[in-house]
């Protein structure tokens, strides 16, 4: 038995919520693309994202710790997989399109440069006279221009809804620029759930990595309201040792479950309170309906403040950040000062593209992994390193 595209579309109409984004109701692709006989459009988009060079490079791009700090900490690839896992769970529980949610989740960080947020801040500073740099806009450029997978058009030719989900990604670390995607419209619920999946993943995983590394003190973590809620739900008291592996695994696992369950319940309640029945209702609603309950939202704000003060600004993390900024600045200055140091394919783009040299250099740097940037720095500045 082969289940065809038309049968899959019929299943969606029968099983998904009336406010969900159906494949059959999508706004299509920029370039003509024949439908697949047994795969739906958002599934194809997800697969195209996974097969990009940019997605593979995420393995050696920083989440918080540079790759050289150890193999047990999150990187951008493992983070994206965790986001997709949480996103699918949220979407399934709320009757949304899992493939669309997963595609947005897997794509959301493709534009991140090496060395995490300090890499983004550094490139934005270096490009201040040339339009700046933002990882979300870079993700969009990768998906629509920079990945060359097809002979007759640039980019991946993804559906409107996946690209909309990327440009309307609006966590605390994102700059939304949805000018070509009806900014007056609310993003699909799949898009909104992807935002929350990202936030849940980075808050819980950064807490996990901070405890694992010893940077975060367990006694300070246990003073957080969300930690107390989590320990109480496990029937544990404040004497437990969150640095012990099995206890930390149990604690983080339960914390993720609390966050996910809260979003599902709060979002369902928001939908009911707003009287949202159809996708059209959702589109014209003045605010996002996906969210946390008020108590957990406040606890998460406390957690973010704690991570910022005690983890992201810890001297070990700051030292990595300073070295990263120095490395990217030196590479940018070297390539702009003498473009013939760039690899041949990038030099060819300098000759053929309408983009100015600093933007091409910025694209090249943003595509680097942490490891490659460090190696390239040595090649350019260490006389004993082979070019």
Protein backbone atom coordinates (compact mmCIF):
# COMPACT_ATOMS: atom_id res chain seq x y z
CA UNK A 1 0.00 0.00 0.00
CA UNK A 2 1.29 3.47 -0.93
CA UNK A 3 -0.21 6.47 0.85
CA UNK A 4 -0.40 9.29 -1.68
CA UNK A 5 -0.19 13.02 -1.32
CA UNK A 6 -3.94 13.43 -1.78
CA UNK A 7 -4.60 10.88 0.96
CA UNK A 8 -2.22 12.71 3.31
CA UNK A 9 -3.98 15.99 2.60
CA UNK A 10 -7.32 14.34 3.33
CA UNK A 11 -5.96 13.07 6.66
CA UNK A 12 -4.91 16.61 7.57
CA UNK A 13 -8.38 17.94 6.91
CA UNK A 14 -9.85 15.22 9.15
CA UNK A 15 -7.36 15.28 12.02
CA UNK A 16 -5.90 18.77 12.41
CA UNK A 17 -7.56 21.60 14.30
CA UNK A 18 -9.55 24.14 12.23
CA UNK A 19 -6.97 26.84 13.06
CA UNK A 20 -4.05 24.68 11.87
CA UNK A 21 -2.12 25.42 8.68
CA UNK A 22 -3.03 22.77 6.11
CA UNK A 23 -0.70 21.94 3.25
CA UNK A 24 -3.60 22.27 0.84
CA UNK A 25 -4.31 25.84 2.06
CA UNK A 26 -0.71 27.08 1.67
CA UNK A 27 0.29 30.13 -0.36
CA UNK A 28 2.79 28.21 -2.43
CA UNK A 29 6.39 28.72 -3.50
CA UNK A 30 8.16 31.56 -5.30
CA UNK A 31 9.21 29.34 -8.23
CA UNK A 32 7.13 26.62 -9.92
CA UNK A 33 7.64 23.24 -8.31
CA UNK A 34 5.67 20.12 -9.22
CA UNK A 35 3.93 18.47 -6.24
CA UNK A 36 5.47 15.27 -4.93
CA UNK A 37 3.43 12.05 -5.28
CA UNK A 38 3.72 10.95 -1.63
CA UNK A 39 5.23 13.83 0.35
CA UNK A 40 3.48 17.00 1.45
CA UNK A 41 5.01 20.45 0.95
CA UNK A 42 6.08 21.15 4.54
CA UNK A 43 7.67 17.71 4.80
CA UNK A 44 9.67 18.47 1.66
CA UNK A 45 10.71 21.83 3.12
CA UNK A 46 11.92 20.13 6.29
CA UNK A 47 13.94 17.67 4.24
CA UNK A 48 15.47 20.43 2.11
CA UNK A 49 16.58 22.27 5.26
CA UNK A 50 18.22 19.16 6.73
CA UNK A 51 20.22 18.60 3.55
CA UNK A 52 21.72 22.11 3.41
CA UNK A 53 25.37 22.83 4.03
CA UNK A 54 24.30 25.47 6.54
CA UNK A 55 22.46 22.87 8.64
CA UNK A 56 25.46 20.53 8.77
CA UNK A 57 27.73 23.38 9.85
CA UNK A 58 25.62 23.94 12.97
CA UNK A 59 27.43 21.01 14.59
CA UNK A 60 30.49 23.19 15.16
CA UNK A 61 28.77 26.48 15.95
CA UNK A 62 28.56 27.75 19.51
CA UNK A 63 25.43 27.69 21.62
CA UNK A 64 27.18 28.99 24.77
CA UNK A 65 30.42 26.98 24.89
CA UNK A 66 32.93 26.97 22.04
CA UNK A 67 33.48 23.45 20.65
CA UNK A 68 36.92 23.17 22.28
CA UNK A 69 35.35 23.30 25.76
CA UNK A 70 34.12 19.72 25.38
CA UNK A 71 31.81 17.35 23.52
CA UNK A 72 29.06 17.22 26.14
CA UNK A 73 27.72 20.75 25.76
CA UNK A 74 25.05 21.89 23.31
CA UNK A 75 25.94 23.28 19.94
CA UNK A 76 23.65 24.95 17.40
CA UNK A 77 22.84 21.60 15.76
CA UNK A 78 21.83 19.80 18.95
CA UNK A 79 19.91 22.91 20.02
CA UNK A 80 17.98 22.94 16.72
CA UNK A 81 17.12 19.25 17.11
CA UNK A 82 15.88 19.87 20.67
CA UNK A 83 13.77 22.80 19.46
CA UNK A 84 12.24 20.61 16.74
CA UNK A 85 11.46 17.86 19.24
CA UNK A 86 9.68 20.26 21.57
CA UNK A 87 7.96 21.97 18.66
CA UNK A 88 6.50 18.73 17.34
CA UNK A 89 5.19 17.83 20.80
CA UNK A 90 3.47 21.21 21.16
CA UNK A 91 2.03 21.03 17.65
CA UNK A 92 0.69 17.51 18.04
CA UNK A 93 -1.00 18.25 21.37
CA UNK A 94 -2.69 21.36 19.98
CA UNK A 95 -3.78 19.81 16.67
CA UNK A 96 -1.32 21.81 14.55
CA UNK A 97 0.79 20.85 11.55
CA UNK A 98 3.82 19.01 12.90
CA UNK A 99 5.81 19.12 9.65
CA UNK A 100 5.46 22.88 9.33
CA UNK A 101 6.42 23.41 12.96
CA UNK A 102 9.43 21.13 12.62
CA UNK A 103 10.62 22.83 9.43
CA UNK A 104 10.54 26.26 11.08
CA UNK A 105 12.31 24.92 14.17
CA UNK A 106 15.10 23.28 12.18
CA UNK A 107 15.65 26.41 10.07
CA UNK A 108 15.51 29.06 12.77
CA UNK A 109 19.26 29.19 13.57
CA UNK A 110 20.82 28.56 10.15
CA UNK A 111 22.05 32.15 9.95
CA UNK A 112 23.94 32.14 13.21
CA UNK A 113 27.65 32.93 12.73
CA UNK A 114 30.43 31.17 14.64
CA UNK A 115 30.83 31.89 18.37
CA UNK A 116 27.17 32.40 19.22
CA UNK A 117 25.71 35.77 20.11
CA UNK A 118 29.10 37.43 20.45
CA UNK A 119 29.79 36.43 16.84
CA UNK A 120 26.55 38.12 15.79
CA UNK A 121 27.33 41.25 17.81
CA UNK A 122 30.82 41.43 16.32
CA UNK A 123 29.64 41.08 12.73
CA UNK A 124 26.89 43.62 13.32
CA UNK A 125 29.49 46.08 14.59
CA UNK A 126 31.86 45.41 11.68
CA UNK A 127 28.99 45.84 9.20
CA UNK A 128 27.51 48.94 10.82
CA UNK A 129 28.28 51.06 7.73
CA UNK A 130 26.98 48.37 5.35
CA UNK A 131 23.53 47.47 6.67
CA UNK A 132 24.55 45.59 9.81
CA UNK A 133 24.19 41.88 10.51
CA UNK A 134 21.36 39.93 12.11
CA UNK A 135 21.24 36.14 12.27
CA UNK A 136 17.53 36.02 11.47
CA UNK A 137 17.93 38.02 8.26
CA UNK A 138 20.95 35.86 7.47
CA UNK A 139 18.82 32.74 7.88
CA UNK A 140 16.39 34.16 5.34
CA UNK A 141 19.27 34.96 2.95
CA UNK A 142 20.55 31.39 3.26
CA UNK A 143 17.13 29.92 2.51
CA UNK A 144 16.34 32.24 -0.41
CA UNK A 145 19.73 33.18 -1.91
CA UNK A 146 22.93 31.67 -0.55
CA UNK A 147 22.20 27.94 -0.70
CA UNK A 148 22.57 26.87 -4.33
CA UNK A 149 20.83 23.52 -4.71
CA UNK A 150 18.94 23.98 -7.98
CA UNK A 151 20.12 25.08 -11.45
CA UNK A 152 17.15 27.33 -12.27
CA UNK A 153 16.74 29.42 -9.12
CA UNK A 154 18.63 30.52 -5.97
CA UNK A 155 17.82 29.22 -2.53
CA UNK A 156 15.63 26.29 -1.53
CA UNK A 157 12.31 27.57 -2.90
CA UNK A 158 10.53 26.88 0.39
CA UNK A 159 6.84 27.49 0.94
CA UNK A 160 5.52 30.86 2.04
CA UNK A 161 4.55 29.49 5.46
CA UNK A 162 8.01 28.16 6.36
CA UNK A 163 9.68 31.41 5.29
CA UNK A 164 7.03 33.37 7.19
CA UNK A 165 7.79 31.30 10.27
CA UNK A 166 11.48 32.20 9.96
CA UNK A 167 10.97 35.96 9.54
CA UNK A 168 8.32 36.12 12.31
CA UNK A 169 10.47 34.24 14.82
CA UNK A 170 10.28 36.58 17.81
CA UNK A 171 12.05 35.39 20.93
CA UNK A 172 14.14 37.77 23.06
CA UNK A 173 17.14 37.21 20.79
CA UNK A 174 15.48 37.89 17.44
CA UNK A 175 14.83 40.95 15.30
CA UNK A 176 11.58 40.58 13.34
CA UNK A 177 11.51 41.98 9.80
CA UNK A 178 8.41 40.55 8.10
CA UNK A 179 7.96 43.28 5.49
CA UNK A 180 7.38 40.81 2.63
CA UNK A 181 5.19 38.44 4.67
CA UNK A 182 2.15 40.49 5.64
CA UNK A 183 3.50 41.97 8.89
CA UNK A 184 -0.03 43.00 9.81
CA UNK A 185 -0.98 39.30 10.02
CA UNK A 186 -0.35 37.19 13.09
CA UNK A 187 1.96 34.26 12.37
CA UNK A 188 0.44 30.79 12.15
CA UNK A 189 0.10 28.90 15.41
CA UNK A 190 2.87 26.63 14.12
CA UNK A 191 5.10 29.71 13.88
CA UNK A 192 4.16 30.85 17.38
CA UNK A 193 4.81 27.41 18.84
CA UNK A 194 8.24 27.33 17.19
CA UNK A 195 9.12 30.52 19.05
CA UNK A 196 8.19 28.96 22.37
CA UNK A 197 9.96 25.69 21.56
CA UNK A 198 13.15 27.70 20.97
CA UNK A 199 12.77 29.54 24.27
CA UNK A 200 12.06 26.38 26.26
CA UNK A 201 15.04 24.63 24.67
CA UNK A 202 17.63 27.33 25.29
CA UNK A 203 16.48 28.14 28.83
CA UNK A 204 16.51 24.53 29.99
CA UNK A 205 19.61 23.45 28.09
CA UNK A 206 21.64 26.48 29.19
CA UNK A 207 20.66 25.71 32.77
CA UNK A 208 21.74 22.10 32.23
CA UNK A 209 25.06 23.07 30.63
CA UNK A 210 25.70 25.69 33.30
CA UNK A 211 25.26 23.09 36.04
CA UNK A 212 27.30 20.47 34.18
CA UNK A 213 30.19 22.90 33.70
CA UNK A 214 30.20 23.93 37.36
CA UNK A 215 29.73 27.58 36.42
CA UNK A 216 26.28 27.67 37.98
CA UNK A 217 26.11 26.94 41.70
CA UNK A 218 23.42 24.40 42.54
CA UNK A 219 22.46 26.29 45.71
CA UNK A 220 21.76 29.44 43.68
CA UNK A 221 19.76 27.51 41.07
CA UNK A 222 17.58 25.97 43.77
CA UNK A 223 16.56 29.46 44.92
CA UNK A 224 14.80 30.08 41.59
CA UNK A 225 11.01 29.80 41.71
CA UNK A 226 10.90 27.55 38.65
CA UNK A 227 13.50 25.25 40.24
CA UNK A 228 11.48 25.05 43.45
CA UNK A 229 8.38 24.24 41.40
CA UNK A 230 10.28 21.49 39.59
CA UNK A 231 11.76 19.93 42.73
CA UNK A 232 8.37 20.00 44.46
CA UNK A 233 6.76 18.20 41.52
CA UNK A 234 9.39 15.47 41.92
CA UNK A 235 8.78 15.22 45.66
CA UNK A 236 12.35 16.33 46.38
CA UNK A 237 13.61 18.78 48.99
CA UNK A 238 16.25 21.48 48.73
CA UNK A 239 19.01 19.13 49.90
CA UNK A 240 19.37 17.34 46.56
CA UNK A 241 22.62 17.75 44.63
CA UNK A 242 21.90 19.14 41.16
CA UNK A 243 25.52 18.64 40.14
CA UNK A 244 25.12 14.87 40.37
CA UNK A 245 24.45 13.58 36.86
CA UNK A 246 21.35 11.44 37.42
CA UNK A 247 19.73 14.07 39.61
CA UNK A 248 20.47 16.80 37.05
CA UNK A 249 19.04 14.69 34.23
CA UNK A 250 15.90 14.08 36.25
CA UNK A 251 15.57 17.76 37.18
CA UNK A 252 16.02 19.10 33.64
CA UNK A 253 13.74 16.44 32.17
CA UNK A 254 10.95 17.40 34.57
CA UNK A 255 11.55 21.12 33.97
CA UNK A 256 11.12 20.65 30.20
CA UNK A 257 7.92 18.70 30.86
CA UNK A 258 6.55 21.46 33.10
CA UNK A 259 7.32 24.13 30.50
CA UNK A 260 5.77 22.15 27.64
CA UNK A 261 2.65 21.17 29.58
CA UNK A 262 2.13 24.75 30.69
CA UNK A 263 2.35 26.09 27.13
CA UNK A 264 -0.14 23.50 25.88
CA UNK A 265 -2.68 24.30 28.61
CA UNK A 266 -2.21 28.09 28.47
CA UNK A 267 -2.36 28.22 24.67
CA UNK A 268 -5.51 26.09 24.53
CA UNK A 269 -7.11 28.40 27.09
CA UNK A 270 -6.04 31.51 25.16
CA UNK A 271 -7.55 30.10 21.96
CA UNK A 272 -10.83 29.40 23.73
CA UNK A 273 -10.91 32.80 25.47
CA UNK A 274 -10.23 34.62 22.18
CA UNK A 275 -12.97 32.71 20.40
CA UNK A 276 -10.54 31.54 17.72
CA UNK A 277 -12.06 28.87 15.52
CA UNK A 278 -10.34 29.24 12.15
CA UNK A 279 -6.92 30.14 10.79
CA UNK A 280 -8.43 33.43 9.60
CA UNK A 281 -9.43 34.22 13.20
CA UNK A 282 -5.88 33.52 14.33
CA UNK A 283 -4.36 35.70 11.59
CA UNK A 284 -6.32 38.81 12.61
CA UNK A 285 -5.92 38.38 16.38
CA UNK A 286 -3.96 41.35 17.79
CA UNK A 287 -1.51 39.27 19.83
CA UNK A 288 0.05 35.81 19.82
CA UNK A 289 -2.16 33.24 21.48
CA UNK A 290 0.65 30.76 22.13
CA UNK A 291 2.28 31.42 25.48
CA UNK A 292 2.85 30.49 29.10
CA UNK A 293 0.53 30.91 32.04
CA UNK A 294 1.16 34.17 33.90
CA UNK A 295 2.94 32.48 36.87
CA UNK A 296 5.32 30.47 34.70
CA UNK A 297 6.00 33.45 32.43
CA UNK A 298 7.23 35.39 35.48
CA UNK A 299 9.30 32.44 36.68
CA UNK A 300 10.92 32.20 33.24
CA UNK A 301 11.79 35.90 33.30
CA UNK A 302 13.53 35.29 36.62
CA UNK A 303 15.38 32.32 35.11
CA UNK A 304 16.55 34.41 32.13
CA UNK A 305 17.85 37.16 34.41
CA UNK A 306 19.68 34.54 36.47
CA UNK A 307 21.30 32.93 33.42
CA UNK A 308 22.36 36.32 32.08
CA UNK A 309 23.99 37.39 35.33
CA UNK A 310 25.55 34.11 36.45
CA UNK A 311 26.18 32.16 33.24
CA UNK A 312 26.45 34.34 30.13
CA UNK A 313 28.51 36.93 32.05
CA UNK A 314 30.71 34.44 33.91
CA UNK A 315 34.41 35.15 33.41
CA UNK A 316 35.02 31.86 31.57
CA UNK A 317 32.26 32.61 29.07
CA UNK A 318 33.38 36.24 28.73
CA UNK A 319 36.97 35.16 28.01
CA UNK A 320 35.71 32.93 25.20
CA UNK A 321 33.61 35.80 23.89
CA UNK A 322 36.52 38.25 23.83
CA UNK A 323 38.74 35.79 21.97
CA UNK A 324 35.91 35.11 19.52
CA UNK A 325 35.37 38.81 18.82
CA UNK A 326 39.09 39.32 18.29
CA UNK A 327 39.23 36.37 15.88
CA UNK A 328 36.28 37.51 13.73
CA UNK A 329 37.47 41.12 13.67
CA UNK A 330 40.93 40.07 12.51
CA UNK A 331 39.52 37.81 9.80
CA UNK A 332 37.15 40.50 8.54
CA UNK A 333 39.93 43.09 8.35
CA UNK A 334 42.27 40.67 6.60
CA UNK A 335 39.76 39.68 3.89
CA UNK A 336 38.48 43.20 3.24
CA UNK A 337 42.04 44.53 3.19
CA UNK A 338 43.18 41.89 0.71
CA UNK A 339 40.32 39.94 -0.93
CA UNK A 340 42.75 37.72 -2.81
CA UNK A 341 43.16 35.81 0.46
CA UNK A 342 39.60 34.55 0.07
CA UNK A 343 39.05 31.09 -1.46
CA UNK A 344 38.52 31.02 -5.26
CA UNK A 345 34.74 30.50 -5.18
CA UNK A 346 34.31 33.50 -2.88
CA UNK A 347 36.63 35.60 -5.04
CA UNK A 348 34.45 34.68 -7.99
CA UNK A 349 31.42 35.92 -6.13
CA UNK A 350 33.24 39.23 -5.50
CA UNK A 351 33.63 39.62 -9.26
CA UNK A 352 30.16 38.44 -10.26
CA UNK A 353 27.86 39.63 -7.48
CA UNK A 354 26.15 42.97 -7.04
CA UNK A 355 26.86 42.73 -3.31
CA UNK A 356 29.67 44.92 -2.00
CA UNK A 357 32.87 43.32 -0.68
CA UNK A 358 32.11 43.73 3.06
CA UNK A 359 28.77 41.88 2.65
CA UNK A 360 30.41 39.03 0.77
CA UNK A 361 33.11 38.77 3.43
CA UNK A 362 30.40 38.88 6.12
CA UNK A 363 28.51 36.04 4.41
CA UNK A 364 31.73 34.03 4.26
CA UNK A 365 32.48 34.60 7.94
CA UNK A 366 28.89 33.91 9.02
CA UNK A 367 29.03 30.54 7.27
CA UNK A 368 32.15 29.45 9.14
CA UNK A 369 32.09 27.02 12.02
CA UNK A 370 33.95 27.92 15.20
CA UNK A 371 36.60 25.38 14.32
CA UNK A 372 37.16 26.65 10.80
CA UNK A 373 37.33 30.29 11.96
CA UNK A 374 40.04 29.39 14.48
CA UNK A 375 41.97 27.45 11.83
CA UNK A 376 41.66 30.28 9.32
CA UNK A 377 42.86 32.80 11.89
CA UNK A 378 45.99 30.71 12.42
CA UNK A 379 46.57 30.41 8.67
CA UNK A 380 46.38 34.16 8.20
CA UNK A 381 48.29 35.33 11.27
CA UNK A 382 50.71 32.56 12.25
CA UNK A 383 53.81 32.52 10.00
CA UNK A 384 54.50 28.88 10.88
CA UNK A 385 50.98 27.72 9.97
CA UNK A 386 50.66 26.33 6.45
CA UNK A 387 48.29 28.32 4.27
